[in-house]
N, C-alpha and C. Protein backbone atom coordinates (compact mmCIF):
# COMPACT_ATOMS: atom_id res chain seq x y z
N UNK A 1 17.14 -0.71 -53.40
CA UNK A 1 16.23 0.51 -53.22
C UNK A 1 17.05 1.80 -51.96
N UNK A 2 17.04 2.82 -52.45
CA UNK A 2 18.02 4.09 -51.32
C UNK A 2 17.19 4.45 -50.26
N UNK A 3 18.25 5.31 -49.99
CA UNK A 3 17.78 5.18 -48.74
C UNK A 3 16.40 6.82 -48.44
N UNK A 4 16.62 6.83 -49.69
CA UNK A 4 16.14 8.18 -49.61
C UNK A 4 14.40 7.41 -49.71
N UNK A 5 14.46 6.60 -51.18
CA UNK A 5 12.95 5.35 -51.12
C UNK A 5 12.14 4.87 -49.75
N UNK A 6 13.00 4.68 -48.73
CA UNK A 6 12.80 3.56 -48.20
C UNK A 6 12.26 4.86 -47.12
N UNK A 7 13.34 5.68 -46.38
CA UNK A 7 12.73 6.84 -45.44
C UNK A 7 11.09 7.06 -46.07
N UNK A 8 11.23 7.46 -47.35
CA UNK A 8 9.75 8.07 -47.81
C UNK A 8 8.79 7.06 -47.86
N UNK A 9 9.06 5.77 -48.14
CA UNK A 9 7.79 5.04 -48.36
C UNK A 9 7.76 4.67 -46.51
N UNK A 10 8.23 4.75 -45.48
CA UNK A 10 8.46 4.86 -43.99
C UNK A 10 7.35 6.00 -43.34
N UNK A 11 7.32 6.50 -44.16
CA UNK A 11 6.98 8.26 -43.52
C UNK A 11 4.70 8.13 -44.68
N UNK A 12 4.90 6.90 -45.08
CA UNK A 12 3.28 6.99 -46.20
C UNK A 12 3.10 5.76 -45.78
N UNK A 13 1.28 6.10 -45.40
CA UNK A 13 0.92 4.55 -44.66
C UNK A 13 -0.52 4.45 -46.12
N UNK A 14 -1.19 3.34 -45.42
CA UNK A 14 -2.17 3.02 -46.84
C UNK A 14 -4.05 4.39 -45.94
N UNK A 15 -4.19 5.07 -46.58
CA UNK A 15 -5.22 5.41 -45.60
C UNK A 15 -6.67 4.28 -46.39
N UNK A 16 -7.99 4.52 -45.39
CA UNK A 16 -8.55 4.23 -45.73
C UNK A 16 -9.94 4.87 -44.60
N UNK A 17 -11.57 4.39 -45.42
CA UNK A 17 -12.38 4.51 -45.14
C UNK A 17 -13.04 4.41 -44.85
N UNK A 18 -13.86 4.59 -44.13
CA UNK A 18 -14.64 3.47 -43.07
C UNK A 18 -16.33 3.49 -44.44
N UNK A 19 -16.66 2.30 -44.44
CA UNK A 19 -17.65 1.98 -45.50
C UNK A 19 -18.84 2.28 -45.04
N UNK A 20 -19.72 2.96 -45.31
CA UNK A 20 -21.33 3.73 -44.83
C UNK A 20 -22.71 2.47 -45.63
N UNK A 21 -21.95 1.39 -46.01
CA UNK A 21 -22.85 0.28 -46.66
C UNK A 21 -23.60 0.12 -45.89
N UNK A 22 -24.02 -0.45 -45.21
CA UNK A 22 -24.84 -1.45 -44.16
C UNK A 22 -25.54 -0.40 -43.26
N UNK A 23 -25.01 0.74 -43.63
CA UNK A 23 -25.39 1.33 -41.98
C UNK A 23 -27.00 2.41 -42.51
N UNK A 24 -27.91 2.17 -43.23
CA UNK A 24 -29.30 2.40 -44.11
C UNK A 24 -29.32 1.14 -44.57
N UNK A 25 -30.87 0.72 -44.09
CA UNK A 25 -31.55 -0.54 -44.97
C UNK A 25 -32.27 0.89 -46.39
N UNK A 26 -33.26 -0.43 -46.90
CA UNK A 26 -33.69 0.27 -48.20
C UNK A 26 -34.76 1.38 -47.64
N UNK A 27 -35.60 1.00 -46.41
CA UNK A 27 -36.52 1.99 -45.82
C UNK A 27 -36.40 3.34 -45.52
N UNK A 28 -34.92 2.60 -44.60
CA UNK A 28 -34.23 4.43 -44.26
C UNK A 28 -34.34 5.60 -45.84
N UNK A 29 -33.83 4.82 -46.53
CA UNK A 29 -34.04 5.37 -48.07
C UNK A 29 -34.92 6.09 -48.36
N UNK A 30 -35.34 4.86 -48.68
CA UNK A 30 -36.86 5.46 -49.02
C UNK A 30 -37.92 6.57 -48.04
N UNK A 31 -37.64 6.42 -46.91
CA UNK A 31 -38.13 7.59 -46.40
C UNK A 31 -37.32 8.83 -46.28
N UNK A 32 -36.03 8.92 -46.78
CA UNK A 32 -35.24 10.28 -46.65
C UNK A 32 -35.95 10.75 -47.80
N UNK A 33 -35.84 9.71 -49.33
CA UNK A 33 -36.69 10.36 -50.33
C UNK A 33 -38.19 10.92 -50.70
N UNK A 34 -39.02 10.32 -49.46
CA UNK A 34 -40.14 10.55 -49.04
C UNK A 34 -40.12 12.31 -48.88
N UNK A 35 -39.47 12.51 -47.69
CA UNK A 35 -38.76 13.44 -46.69
C UNK A 35 -38.94 14.67 -47.34
N UNK A 36 -37.84 14.45 -48.32
CA UNK A 36 -37.32 15.35 -49.82
C UNK A 36 -37.99 15.82 -50.84
N UNK A 37 -39.15 14.98 -50.66
CA UNK A 37 -40.09 15.23 -51.83
C UNK A 37 -40.96 15.64 -51.04
N UNK A 38 -41.11 15.56 -49.75
CA UNK A 38 -42.66 16.55 -49.06
C UNK A 38 -42.52 17.74 -48.73
N UNK A 39 -40.90 17.83 -48.64
CA UNK A 39 -40.29 19.17 -48.73
C UNK A 39 -40.04 19.90 -49.58
N UNK A 40 -39.77 19.91 -50.51
CA UNK A 40 -40.06 20.11 -52.08
C UNK A 40 -41.69 20.82 -52.20
N UNK A 41 -42.50 19.52 -51.91
CA UNK A 41 -43.70 20.01 -52.28
C UNK A 41 -44.44 21.15 -51.23
N UNK A 42 -44.21 20.83 -50.68
CA UNK A 42 -44.24 22.11 -49.61
C UNK A 42 -43.68 23.49 -50.22
N UNK A 43 -42.17 23.86 -49.75
CA UNK A 43 -41.85 24.91 -50.55
C UNK A 43 -42.67 25.36 -52.01
N UNK A 44 -42.82 24.13 -52.95
CA UNK A 44 -43.47 24.65 -54.11
C UNK A 44 -44.83 25.21 -53.78
N UNK A 45 -45.63 24.44 -52.71
CA UNK A 45 -46.73 25.42 -52.06
C UNK A 45 -46.38 26.85 -51.63
N UNK A 46 -46.06 27.18 -50.71
CA UNK A 46 -45.41 28.36 -50.54
C UNK A 46 -45.26 29.32 -51.02
N UNK A 47 -44.18 28.70 -52.28
CA UNK A 47 -43.86 29.39 -53.47
C UNK A 47 -45.42 30.95 -53.89
N UNK A 48 -46.19 29.09 -54.87
CA UNK A 48 -46.91 29.46 -55.32
C UNK A 48 -47.70 30.58 -54.67
N UNK A 49 -48.46 30.47 -53.02
CA UNK A 49 -49.45 31.29 -52.71
C UNK A 49 -48.62 32.97 -52.30
N UNK A 50 -47.06 33.03 -52.22
CA UNK A 50 -47.02 33.60 -52.22
C UNK A 50 -46.99 34.81 -53.84
N UNK A 51 -46.64 33.90 -54.57
CA UNK A 51 -47.06 34.71 -55.96
C UNK A 51 -48.73 34.75 -56.57
N UNK A 52 -49.36 34.10 -55.47
CA UNK A 52 -50.78 34.57 -55.64
C UNK A 52 -51.65 35.88 -55.04
N UNK A 53 -50.84 35.60 -54.09
CA UNK A 53 -50.93 36.85 -53.05
C UNK A 53 -50.01 37.96 -53.69
N UNK A 54 -48.92 38.16 -54.05
CA UNK A 54 -48.69 39.40 -54.87
C UNK A 54 -49.12 39.73 -56.37
N UNK A 55 -50.11 38.81 -56.63
CA UNK A 55 -51.18 38.98 -57.91
C UNK A 55 -51.98 39.45 -57.66
N UNK A 56 -52.95 38.77 -56.93
CA UNK A 56 -53.57 39.52 -56.02
C UNK A 56 -53.43 41.27 -55.82
N UNK A 57 -52.43 41.39 -55.14
CA UNK A 57 -52.29 42.73 -54.21
C UNK A 57 -51.32 43.47 -55.37
N UNK A 58 -50.92 43.61 -56.80
CA UNK A 58 -50.52 44.16 -57.79
C UNK A 58 -51.88 44.49 -58.41
N UNK A 59 -52.98 43.44 -58.98
CA UNK A 59 -54.10 43.16 -59.83
C UNK A 59 -55.04 44.79 -58.34
N UNK A 60 -54.97 44.57 -57.03
CA UNK A 60 -56.28 45.72 -57.12
C UNK A 60 -55.43 47.09 -56.76
N UNK A 61 -53.98 46.84 -57.17
CA UNK A 61 -53.11 48.05 -57.12
C UNK A 61 -53.49 48.81 -58.35
N UNK A 62 -53.18 48.32 -59.61
CA UNK A 62 -53.78 48.29 -61.10
C UNK A 62 -55.20 48.66 -61.02
N UNK A 63 -56.42 47.68 -60.25
CA UNK A 63 -57.75 48.61 -60.42
C UNK A 63 -57.98 49.75 -59.48
N UNK A 64 -57.17 50.06 -58.81
CA UNK A 64 -57.80 51.55 -57.99
C UNK A 64 -56.45 52.64 -58.54
N UNK A 65 -55.59 52.83 -59.19
CA UNK A 65 -55.03 53.51 -60.04
C UNK A 65 -55.80 53.63 -61.63
N UNK A 66 -56.45 53.08 -61.82
CA UNK A 66 -57.23 53.38 -63.28
C UNK A 66 -58.62 53.92 -63.08
């Protein structure tokens, strides 16, 4: 092995990453999924209420203009 290859090899090491498996159990994952779904549903309801309010306002404006 050449000295350049030897010096290059000594400059690098194996990279390891921590494993996240086992950090959470199945209950945590299910709880996270339920929380996400609840937040998504709340956002949809808020958007629907906003759309309904805008439609009502525009209907009132149109009725007043006629």
